[in-house]
């Protein structure tokens, strides 16, 4: 038996239509699955067209049928953490400058920086400070990404 979502209310239909082109990729992909199902597209075709596993599509459809759109909203906020977004260009430039230097120049006995070692050195040099109520969690943040693989505008400034 084919699985489809239940009939949509007018407000659900509007929200799904809006989600098709929103900036949150997770929400947009989920809305595309719902939209396709609302238009009677079969699970296998939805999965194939969106690079989903068919069981993942079925789980989304069942979750929507049971609990509506709230069951499918992304649980984690997207974007940069607030503390990271608050870093000034000057601070980012200083972090990039520190990352370009050898760790041995700063008493770190490693051939390359790790995120933890870079954070320690940045705090010791006053590039980052704890005055805002605690140490910024460099590990798990986007700072290593900005430094080592990062943001195109920062990558261009490294040269």
Protein backbone atom coordinates (compact mmCIF):
# COMPACT_ATOMS: atom_id res chain seq x y z
CA UNK A 1 0.00 0.00 0.00
CA UNK A 2 1.36 3.43 -0.97
CA UNK A 3 2.12 5.91 1.79
CA UNK A 4 1.19 9.57 1.38
CA UNK A 5 0.70 12.45 3.78
CA UNK A 6 -2.75 13.33 5.01
CA UNK A 7 -4.66 16.23 3.50
CA UNK A 8 -3.01 19.56 4.20
CA UNK A 9 -4.70 22.48 5.89
CA UNK A 10 -4.41 25.84 4.15
CA UNK A 11 -1.84 27.07 6.68
CA UNK A 12 0.24 23.88 6.34
CA UNK A 13 0.18 24.18 2.56
CA UNK A 14 1.42 27.80 2.77
CA UNK A 15 4.16 26.91 5.22
CA UNK A 16 5.35 23.98 3.11
CA UNK A 17 5.34 26.14 -0.04
CA UNK A 18 7.39 28.76 1.77
CA UNK A 19 9.79 26.11 3.05
CA UNK A 20 10.55 24.90 -0.45
CA UNK A 21 12.88 27.83 -1.02
CA UNK A 22 13.88 28.89 2.48
CA UNK A 23 17.48 29.31 3.59
CA UNK A 24 17.46 26.34 5.97
CA UNK A 25 18.51 23.35 3.86
CA UNK A 26 17.14 20.75 6.28
CA UNK A 27 13.72 22.35 6.42
CA UNK A 28 13.68 22.93 2.66
CA UNK A 29 14.46 19.26 1.90
CA UNK A 30 11.77 18.08 4.31
CA UNK A 31 9.25 20.46 2.75
CA UNK A 32 10.11 19.07 -0.71
CA UNK A 33 9.34 15.56 0.53
CA UNK A 34 5.99 16.69 1.95
CA UNK A 35 5.15 18.66 -1.19
CA UNK A 36 5.89 15.69 -3.42
CA UNK A 37 3.79 13.41 -1.25
CA UNK A 38 0.93 15.91 -1.21
CA UNK A 39 1.07 15.76 -5.02
CA UNK A 40 0.75 11.95 -4.84
CA UNK A 41 4.34 11.12 -5.71
CA UNK A 42 5.28 7.64 -4.51
CA UNK A 43 7.89 7.13 -1.77
CA UNK A 44 10.40 5.44 -4.09
CA UNK A 45 10.19 8.33 -6.57
CA UNK A 46 10.57 10.95 -3.82
CA UNK A 47 13.59 9.09 -2.44
CA UNK A 48 15.23 8.75 -5.84
CA UNK A 49 14.61 12.39 -6.79
CA UNK A 50 15.92 13.83 -3.53
CA UNK A 51 18.77 11.41 -2.80
CA UNK A 52 16.94 10.03 0.23
CA UNK A 53 16.70 6.47 1.47
CA UNK A 54 13.09 5.29 1.02
CA UNK A 55 12.81 4.46 4.73
CA UNK A 56 13.83 8.02 5.64
CA UNK A 57 11.05 9.34 3.41
CA UNK A 58 8.58 6.98 5.08
CA UNK A 59 9.69 8.15 8.54
CA UNK A 60 9.15 11.79 7.55
CA UNK A 61 5.71 11.08 6.14
CA UNK A 62 4.67 9.07 9.20
CA UNK A 63 5.97 11.76 11.56
CA UNK A 64 4.03 14.43 9.68
CA UNK A 65 0.86 12.33 9.66
CA UNK A 66 1.15 11.77 13.41
CA UNK A 67 2.31 15.18 14.67
CA UNK A 68 2.16 17.70 11.82
CA UNK A 69 4.87 20.14 10.79
CA UNK A 70 6.23 20.55 14.32
CA UNK A 71 7.54 16.98 14.17
CA UNK A 72 9.71 17.88 11.17
CA UNK A 73 11.14 21.22 12.16
CA UNK A 74 14.93 21.13 12.57
CA UNK A 75 15.78 20.80 16.24
CA UNK A 76 19.19 22.46 16.09
CA UNK A 77 19.53 26.12 15.20
CA UNK A 78 21.45 26.75 12.02
CA UNK A 79 24.23 29.22 11.41
CA UNK A 80 27.08 30.39 13.53
CA UNK A 81 26.81 30.23 17.33
CA UNK A 82 26.07 33.67 18.84
CA UNK A 83 29.50 33.93 20.47
CA UNK A 84 31.21 33.19 17.17
CA UNK A 85 29.07 35.66 15.24
CA UNK A 86 30.15 38.30 17.74
CA UNK A 87 33.86 37.94 16.89
CA UNK A 88 35.15 41.07 15.25
CA UNK A 89 37.05 41.10 11.98
CA UNK A 90 40.10 42.13 13.99
CA UNK A 91 39.80 39.05 16.21
CA UNK A 92 39.31 36.75 13.23
CA UNK A 93 42.33 38.29 11.50
CA UNK A 94 44.40 37.81 14.67
CA UNK A 95 43.31 34.16 14.88
CA UNK A 96 44.22 33.64 11.24
CA UNK A 97 47.60 35.29 11.83
CA UNK A 98 48.27 33.05 14.82
CA UNK A 99 47.25 29.97 12.85
CA UNK A 100 49.72 30.88 10.08
CA UNK A 101 52.60 30.84 12.57
CA UNK A 102 54.39 27.71 13.71
CA UNK A 103 53.11 26.25 16.98
CA UNK A 104 56.73 25.89 18.14
CA UNK A 105 57.06 29.70 18.07
CA UNK A 106 54.50 29.73 20.88
CA UNK A 107 55.93 26.92 23.00
CA UNK A 108 53.66 24.22 21.60
CA UNK A 109 55.56 21.00 20.90
CA UNK A 110 53.57 20.03 17.78
CA UNK A 111 54.31 20.32 14.08
CA UNK A 112 50.85 21.78 13.33
CA UNK A 113 48.15 23.49 15.34
CA UNK A 114 45.28 21.57 16.87
CA UNK A 115 42.11 23.46 17.71
CA UNK A 116 42.80 23.11 21.44
CA UNK A 117 46.39 24.29 21.16
CA UNK A 118 45.35 27.23 18.97
CA UNK A 119 42.67 28.19 21.49
CA UNK A 120 45.14 28.02 24.38
CA UNK A 121 47.62 30.23 22.53
CA UNK A 122 44.89 32.69 21.52
CA UNK A 123 43.80 33.05 25.15
CA UNK A 124 47.40 33.41 26.36
CA UNK A 125 48.03 36.19 23.82
CA UNK A 126 44.77 37.97 24.60
CA UNK A 127 43.30 37.43 21.12
CA UNK A 128 40.36 35.73 22.81
CA UNK A 129 39.29 36.63 26.32
CA UNK A 130 37.03 35.18 28.96
CA UNK A 131 35.57 38.49 30.13
CA UNK A 132 32.25 37.62 28.50
CA UNK A 133 31.62 34.78 30.93
CA UNK A 134 33.68 31.79 29.98
CA UNK A 135 35.98 30.26 27.50
CA UNK A 136 34.81 30.13 23.88
CA UNK A 137 34.54 26.50 22.78
CA UNK A 138 36.90 26.49 19.79
CA UNK A 139 36.60 22.72 19.35
CA UNK A 140 33.28 21.98 17.71
CA UNK A 141 33.01 25.53 16.43
CA UNK A 142 33.52 26.89 12.95
CA UNK A 143 36.79 28.59 13.86
CA UNK A 144 38.97 25.66 12.70
CA UNK A 145 36.88 25.62 9.52
CA UNK A 146 37.43 29.35 9.03
CA UNK A 147 41.15 28.94 9.52
CA UNK A 148 41.90 25.67 7.74
CA UNK A 149 39.21 25.21 5.15
CA UNK A 150 37.09 28.06 5.48
CA UNK A 151 35.07 30.91 4.47
CA UNK A 152 35.92 32.14 1.00
CA UNK A 153 36.41 35.76 2.03
CA UNK A 154 38.81 34.67 4.77
CA UNK A 155 40.58 32.23 2.46
CA UNK A 156 41.25 35.04 -0.01
CA UNK A 157 42.76 37.19 2.73
CA UNK A 158 45.24 34.47 3.71
CA UNK A 159 47.36 34.90 0.59
